[in-house]
Amino acid sequence: MLKKCANPLCPNAFRVLSQGKLFQMEVDDFVACANRKRSPRRVEHYWLCDRCCSSLTLIFETGRGMVTVPLPSPKTPLTTVPLGTMRAAPQSHAVRRSP
């Protein structure tokens, strides 16, 4: 059950689903099924409050789990590539036609 904002520095308690942003993550439960061939999946939920979701988002990092990261700034310019500079990928095989 969700208790508070996923931001460890934020004390806001989860009370209303319509406030903030809810994240759903499907994870393998490796611990519960060490002897099985396929691991069961379970869904974990994370929530960022209104204040935190305006500047943060959540990502999954191997070894750390879900972590908060800053959203990109709207003032940060996007990197663009002019279409004329793009090249087609080389073909990996030739097409053989029957006579």
N, C-alpha and C. Protein backbone atom coordinates (compact mmCIF):
# COMPACT_ATOMS: atom_id res chain seq x y z
N MET A 1 0.84 -1.18 0.00
CA MET A 1 0.00 0.00 0.00
C MET A 1 0.89 1.25 0.00
N LEU A 2 0.48 2.21 -0.77
CA LEU A 2 1.21 3.47 -0.82
C LEU A 2 0.99 4.25 0.46
N LYS A 3 2.06 4.78 1.01
CA LYS A 3 1.93 5.55 2.25
C LYS A 3 2.30 7.01 2.06
N LYS A 4 3.35 7.25 1.24
CA LYS A 4 3.82 8.62 1.07
C LYS A 4 4.42 8.81 -0.30
N CYS A 5 4.80 10.02 -0.58
CA CYS A 5 5.44 10.38 -1.84
C CYS A 5 6.72 9.55 -2.02
N ALA A 6 7.00 9.12 -3.26
CA ALA A 6 8.19 8.31 -3.55
C ALA A 6 9.48 9.11 -3.41
N ASN A 7 9.38 10.42 -3.36
CA ASN A 7 10.57 11.25 -3.15
C ASN A 7 10.97 11.09 -1.68
N PRO A 8 12.14 10.54 -1.40
CA PRO A 8 12.53 10.31 0.00
C PRO A 8 12.65 11.59 0.82
N LEU A 9 12.82 12.73 0.15
CA LEU A 9 12.94 14.00 0.87
C LEU A 9 11.59 14.67 1.13
N CYS A 10 10.51 14.09 0.61
CA CYS A 10 9.18 14.68 0.76
C CYS A 10 8.36 13.93 1.81
N PRO A 11 7.75 14.65 2.75
CA PRO A 11 6.96 13.99 3.79
C PRO A 11 5.48 13.82 3.44
N ASN A 12 5.02 14.27 2.25
CA ASN A 12 3.59 14.26 1.93
C ASN A 12 3.02 12.84 1.91
N ALA A 13 1.93 12.66 2.64
CA ALA A 13 1.26 11.36 2.73
C ALA A 13 0.31 11.18 1.56
N PHE A 14 0.18 9.93 1.08
CA PHE A 14 -0.75 9.61 0.00
C PHE A 14 -2.16 9.54 0.59
N ARG A 15 -3.05 10.39 0.06
CA ARG A 15 -4.43 10.40 0.56
C ARG A 15 -5.45 10.28 -0.57
N VAL A 16 -5.20 10.98 -1.68
CA VAL A 16 -6.18 11.04 -2.75
C VAL A 16 -5.53 10.66 -4.08
N LEU A 17 -6.13 9.73 -4.80
CA LEU A 17 -5.58 9.24 -6.06
C LEU A 17 -5.54 10.33 -7.13
N SER A 18 -6.44 11.29 -7.08
CA SER A 18 -6.52 12.32 -8.12
C SER A 18 -5.44 13.40 -7.98
N GLN A 19 -4.65 13.36 -6.92
CA GLN A 19 -3.58 14.33 -6.74
C GLN A 19 -2.24 13.66 -6.97
N GLY A 20 -1.36 14.36 -7.66
CA GLY A 20 -0.03 13.80 -7.93
C GLY A 20 -0.04 12.88 -9.12
N LYS A 21 0.96 12.01 -9.20
CA LYS A 21 1.11 11.11 -10.33
C LYS A 21 1.43 9.71 -9.82
N LEU A 22 0.71 8.73 -10.33
CA LEU A 22 0.87 7.35 -9.92
C LEU A 22 1.70 6.61 -10.97
N PHE A 23 2.68 5.82 -10.52
CA PHE A 23 3.53 5.02 -11.39
C PHE A 23 3.29 3.56 -11.09
N GLN A 24 3.22 2.74 -12.12
CA GLN A 24 3.02 1.30 -11.96
C GLN A 24 4.20 0.59 -12.61
N MET A 25 4.80 -0.34 -11.89
CA MET A 25 5.99 -1.05 -12.39
C MET A 25 5.78 -2.54 -12.20
N GLU A 26 5.94 -3.31 -13.28
CA GLU A 26 5.85 -4.76 -13.18
C GLU A 26 7.26 -5.30 -12.95
N VAL A 27 7.42 -6.10 -11.91
CA VAL A 27 8.74 -6.61 -11.55
C VAL A 27 8.71 -8.13 -11.41
N ASP A 28 9.86 -8.76 -11.65
CA ASP A 28 10.00 -10.19 -11.42
C ASP A 28 10.26 -10.41 -9.95
N ASP A 29 9.62 -11.42 -9.39
CA ASP A 29 9.82 -11.74 -7.99
C ASP A 29 10.83 -12.89 -7.91
N PHE A 30 12.13 -12.57 -8.07
CA PHE A 30 13.17 -13.59 -8.09
C PHE A 30 13.34 -14.28 -6.75
N VAL A 31 13.13 -13.57 -5.66
CA VAL A 31 13.33 -14.14 -4.33
C VAL A 31 12.29 -15.22 -4.03
N ALA A 32 11.06 -14.98 -4.43
CA ALA A 32 9.98 -15.91 -4.10
C ALA A 32 10.05 -17.21 -4.87
N CYS A 33 10.74 -17.21 -5.99
CA CYS A 33 10.72 -18.43 -6.81
C CYS A 33 12.10 -18.81 -7.29
N ALA A 34 13.02 -18.94 -6.43
CA ALA A 34 14.41 -19.26 -6.80
C ALA A 34 14.52 -20.61 -7.47
N ASN A 35 13.60 -21.55 -7.18
CA ASN A 35 13.69 -22.90 -7.74
C ASN A 35 12.83 -23.11 -8.97
N ARG A 36 12.08 -22.10 -9.41
CA ARG A 36 11.21 -22.24 -10.57
C ARG A 36 11.91 -21.73 -11.83
N LYS A 37 11.44 -22.24 -12.99
CA LYS A 37 12.01 -21.78 -14.25
C LYS A 37 11.55 -20.37 -14.60
N ARG A 38 10.29 -20.08 -14.40
CA ARG A 38 9.76 -18.75 -14.69
C ARG A 38 9.43 -18.05 -13.38
N SER A 39 9.81 -16.80 -13.30
CA SER A 39 9.51 -16.06 -12.08
C SER A 39 8.15 -15.39 -12.21
N PRO A 40 7.35 -15.41 -11.14
CA PRO A 40 6.07 -14.72 -11.20
C PRO A 40 6.30 -13.21 -11.22
N ARG A 41 5.39 -12.52 -11.81
CA ARG A 41 5.50 -11.06 -11.86
C ARG A 41 4.53 -10.46 -10.86
N ARG A 42 4.94 -9.32 -10.32
CA ARG A 42 4.04 -8.59 -9.44
C ARG A 42 4.10 -7.13 -9.83
N VAL A 43 3.08 -6.40 -9.48
CA VAL A 43 2.99 -4.98 -9.82
C VAL A 43 3.24 -4.17 -8.56
N GLU A 44 4.16 -3.22 -8.68
CA GLU A 44 4.42 -2.29 -7.57
C GLU A 44 3.95 -0.91 -8.00
N HIS A 45 3.44 -0.15 -7.04
CA HIS A 45 2.95 1.19 -7.31
C HIS A 45 3.78 2.22 -6.54
N TYR A 46 4.04 3.34 -7.21
CA TYR A 46 4.77 4.45 -6.62
C TYR A 46 3.98 5.71 -6.91
N TRP A 47 4.07 6.69 -6.05
CA TRP A 47 3.31 7.93 -6.21
C TRP A 47 4.19 9.12 -5.91
N LEU A 48 4.10 10.14 -6.76
CA LEU A 48 4.74 11.43 -6.50
C LEU A 48 3.63 12.45 -6.26
N CYS A 49 3.76 13.23 -5.20
CA CYS A 49 2.75 14.25 -4.88
C CYS A 49 2.75 15.35 -5.95
N ASP A 50 1.75 16.23 -5.91
CA ASP A 50 1.64 17.32 -6.87
C ASP A 50 2.91 18.15 -6.95
N ARG A 51 3.44 18.50 -5.81
CA ARG A 51 4.63 19.36 -5.77
C ARG A 51 5.83 18.66 -6.40
N CYS A 52 6.05 17.42 -6.06
CA CYS A 52 7.23 16.69 -6.56
C CYS A 52 7.09 16.32 -8.04
N CYS A 53 5.89 15.95 -8.50
CA CYS A 53 5.76 15.51 -9.89
C CYS A 53 5.89 16.67 -10.88
N SER A 54 5.86 17.91 -10.38
CA SER A 54 6.06 19.05 -11.28
C SER A 54 7.54 19.22 -11.63
N SER A 55 8.44 18.62 -10.84
CA SER A 55 9.87 18.77 -11.12
C SER A 55 10.64 17.45 -11.17
N LEU A 56 10.00 16.35 -10.78
CA LEU A 56 10.67 15.05 -10.73
C LEU A 56 9.87 13.98 -11.46
N THR A 57 10.56 12.91 -11.83
CA THR A 57 9.91 11.70 -12.32
C THR A 57 10.64 10.51 -11.72
N LEU A 58 10.13 9.32 -11.96
CA LEU A 58 10.76 8.11 -11.43
C LEU A 58 11.32 7.29 -12.58
N ILE A 59 12.50 6.70 -12.35
CA ILE A 59 13.08 5.75 -13.29
C ILE A 59 13.57 4.55 -12.51
N PHE A 60 13.74 3.43 -13.21
CA PHE A 60 14.27 2.23 -12.57
C PHE A 60 15.76 2.14 -12.85
N GLU A 61 16.55 1.96 -11.79
CA GLU A 61 17.99 1.75 -11.93
C GLU A 61 18.33 0.38 -11.33
N THR A 62 19.04 -0.43 -12.11
CA THR A 62 19.45 -1.75 -11.64
C THR A 62 20.29 -1.61 -10.38
N GLY A 63 19.97 -2.38 -9.38
CA GLY A 63 20.71 -2.35 -8.13
C GLY A 63 20.17 -1.33 -7.13
N ARG A 64 19.41 -0.34 -7.61
CA ARG A 64 18.86 0.68 -6.71
C ARG A 64 17.35 0.67 -6.68
N GLY A 65 16.72 0.17 -7.74
CA GLY A 65 15.26 0.19 -7.81
C GLY A 65 14.76 1.50 -8.38
N MET A 66 13.59 1.93 -7.94
CA MET A 66 12.99 3.17 -8.44
C MET A 66 13.66 4.35 -7.75
N VAL A 67 14.10 5.31 -8.54
CA VAL A 67 14.75 6.50 -8.01
C VAL A 67 14.15 7.74 -8.66
N THR A 68 14.17 8.85 -7.94
CA THR A 68 13.68 10.11 -8.48
C THR A 68 14.78 10.79 -9.28
N VAL A 69 14.39 11.37 -10.40
CA VAL A 69 15.31 12.15 -11.23
C VAL A 69 14.59 13.42 -11.67
N PRO A 70 15.34 14.50 -11.86
CA PRO A 70 14.71 15.75 -12.30
C PRO A 70 14.15 15.62 -13.72
N LEU A 71 13.02 16.28 -13.94
CA LEU A 71 12.48 16.37 -15.29
C LEU A 71 13.37 17.30 -16.11
N PRO A 72 13.46 17.08 -17.42
CA PRO A 72 14.24 18.00 -18.23
C PRO A 72 13.62 19.40 -18.17
N SER A 73 14.45 20.40 -18.16
CA SER A 73 13.98 21.78 -18.10
C SER A 73 13.34 22.16 -19.43
N PRO A 74 12.20 22.88 -19.40
CA PRO A 74 11.59 23.31 -20.67
C PRO A 74 12.47 24.32 -21.40
N LYS A 75 13.43 24.92 -20.69
CA LYS A 75 14.32 25.89 -21.31
C LYS A 75 15.50 25.22 -22.00
N THR A 76 15.70 23.92 -21.75
CA THR A 76 16.80 23.20 -22.38
C THR A 76 16.47 22.97 -23.85
N PRO A 77 17.32 23.46 -24.76
CA PRO A 77 17.01 23.27 -26.18
C PRO A 77 17.16 21.81 -26.59
N LEU A 78 16.31 21.38 -27.50
CA LEU A 78 16.38 20.02 -28.01
C LEU A 78 17.47 19.96 -29.07
N THR A 79 18.17 18.86 -29.11
CA THR A 79 19.18 18.66 -30.14
C THR A 79 18.47 18.19 -31.40
N THR A 80 18.72 18.88 -32.50
CA THR A 80 18.06 18.50 -33.75
C THR A 80 19.11 18.12 -34.78
N VAL A 81 18.69 17.26 -35.70
CA VAL A 81 19.55 16.84 -36.81
C VAL A 81 18.82 17.17 -38.08
N PRO A 82 19.40 18.01 -38.96
CA PRO A 82 18.73 18.31 -40.22
C PRO A 82 18.51 17.03 -41.03
N LEU A 83 17.36 16.90 -41.65
CA LEU A 83 17.02 15.69 -42.39
C LEU A 83 18.00 15.40 -43.51
N GLY A 84 18.57 16.42 -44.15
CA GLY A 84 19.50 16.22 -45.26
C GLY A 84 20.79 15.52 -44.84
N THR A 85 21.12 15.51 -43.53
CA THR A 85 22.36 14.90 -43.09
C THR A 85 22.19 13.43 -42.71
N MET A 86 20.97 12.96 -42.70
CA MET A 86 20.74 11.55 -42.35
C MET A 86 21.04 10.67 -43.56
N ARG A 87 21.63 9.52 -43.33
CA ARG A 87 21.96 8.58 -44.40
C ARG A 87 21.21 7.28 -44.19
N ALA A 88 20.89 6.65 -45.29
CA ALA A 88 20.20 5.36 -45.22
C ALA A 88 21.17 4.30 -44.71
N ALA A 89 20.65 3.37 -43.95
CA ALA A 89 21.47 2.27 -43.44
C ALA A 89 21.85 1.35 -44.58
N PRO A 90 23.09 0.81 -44.58
CA PRO A 90 23.48 -0.11 -45.66
C PRO A 90 22.65 -1.38 -45.61
N GLN A 91 22.39 -1.95 -46.76
CA GLN A 91 21.61 -3.18 -46.83
C GLN A 91 22.49 -4.35 -46.44
N SER A 92 21.96 -5.24 -45.63
CA SER A 92 22.75 -6.37 -45.14
C SER A 92 22.71 -7.58 -46.05
N HIS A 93 21.74 -7.64 -46.97
CA HIS A 93 21.67 -8.79 -47.86
C HIS A 93 21.08 -8.35 -49.22
N ALA A 94 21.43 -9.07 -50.23
CA ALA A 94 20.91 -8.76 -51.57
C ALA A 94 19.64 -9.57 -51.81
N VAL A 95 18.76 -8.99 -52.59
CA VAL A 95 17.51 -9.69 -52.94
C VAL A 95 17.77 -10.45 -54.22
N ARG A 96 17.45 -11.72 -54.21
CA ARG A 96 17.67 -12.56 -55.38
C ARG A 96 16.36 -12.70 -56.14
N ARG A 97 16.43 -12.47 -57.43
CA ARG A 97 15.21 -12.58 -58.25
C ARG A 97 15.31 -13.79 -59.16
N SER A 98 14.20 -14.45 -59.38
CA SER A 98 14.19 -15.59 -60.30
C SER A 98 14.14 -15.09 -61.75
N PRO A 99 14.77 -15.84 -62.68
CA PRO A 99 14.75 -15.43 -64.09
C PRO A 99 13.43 -15.65 -64.75
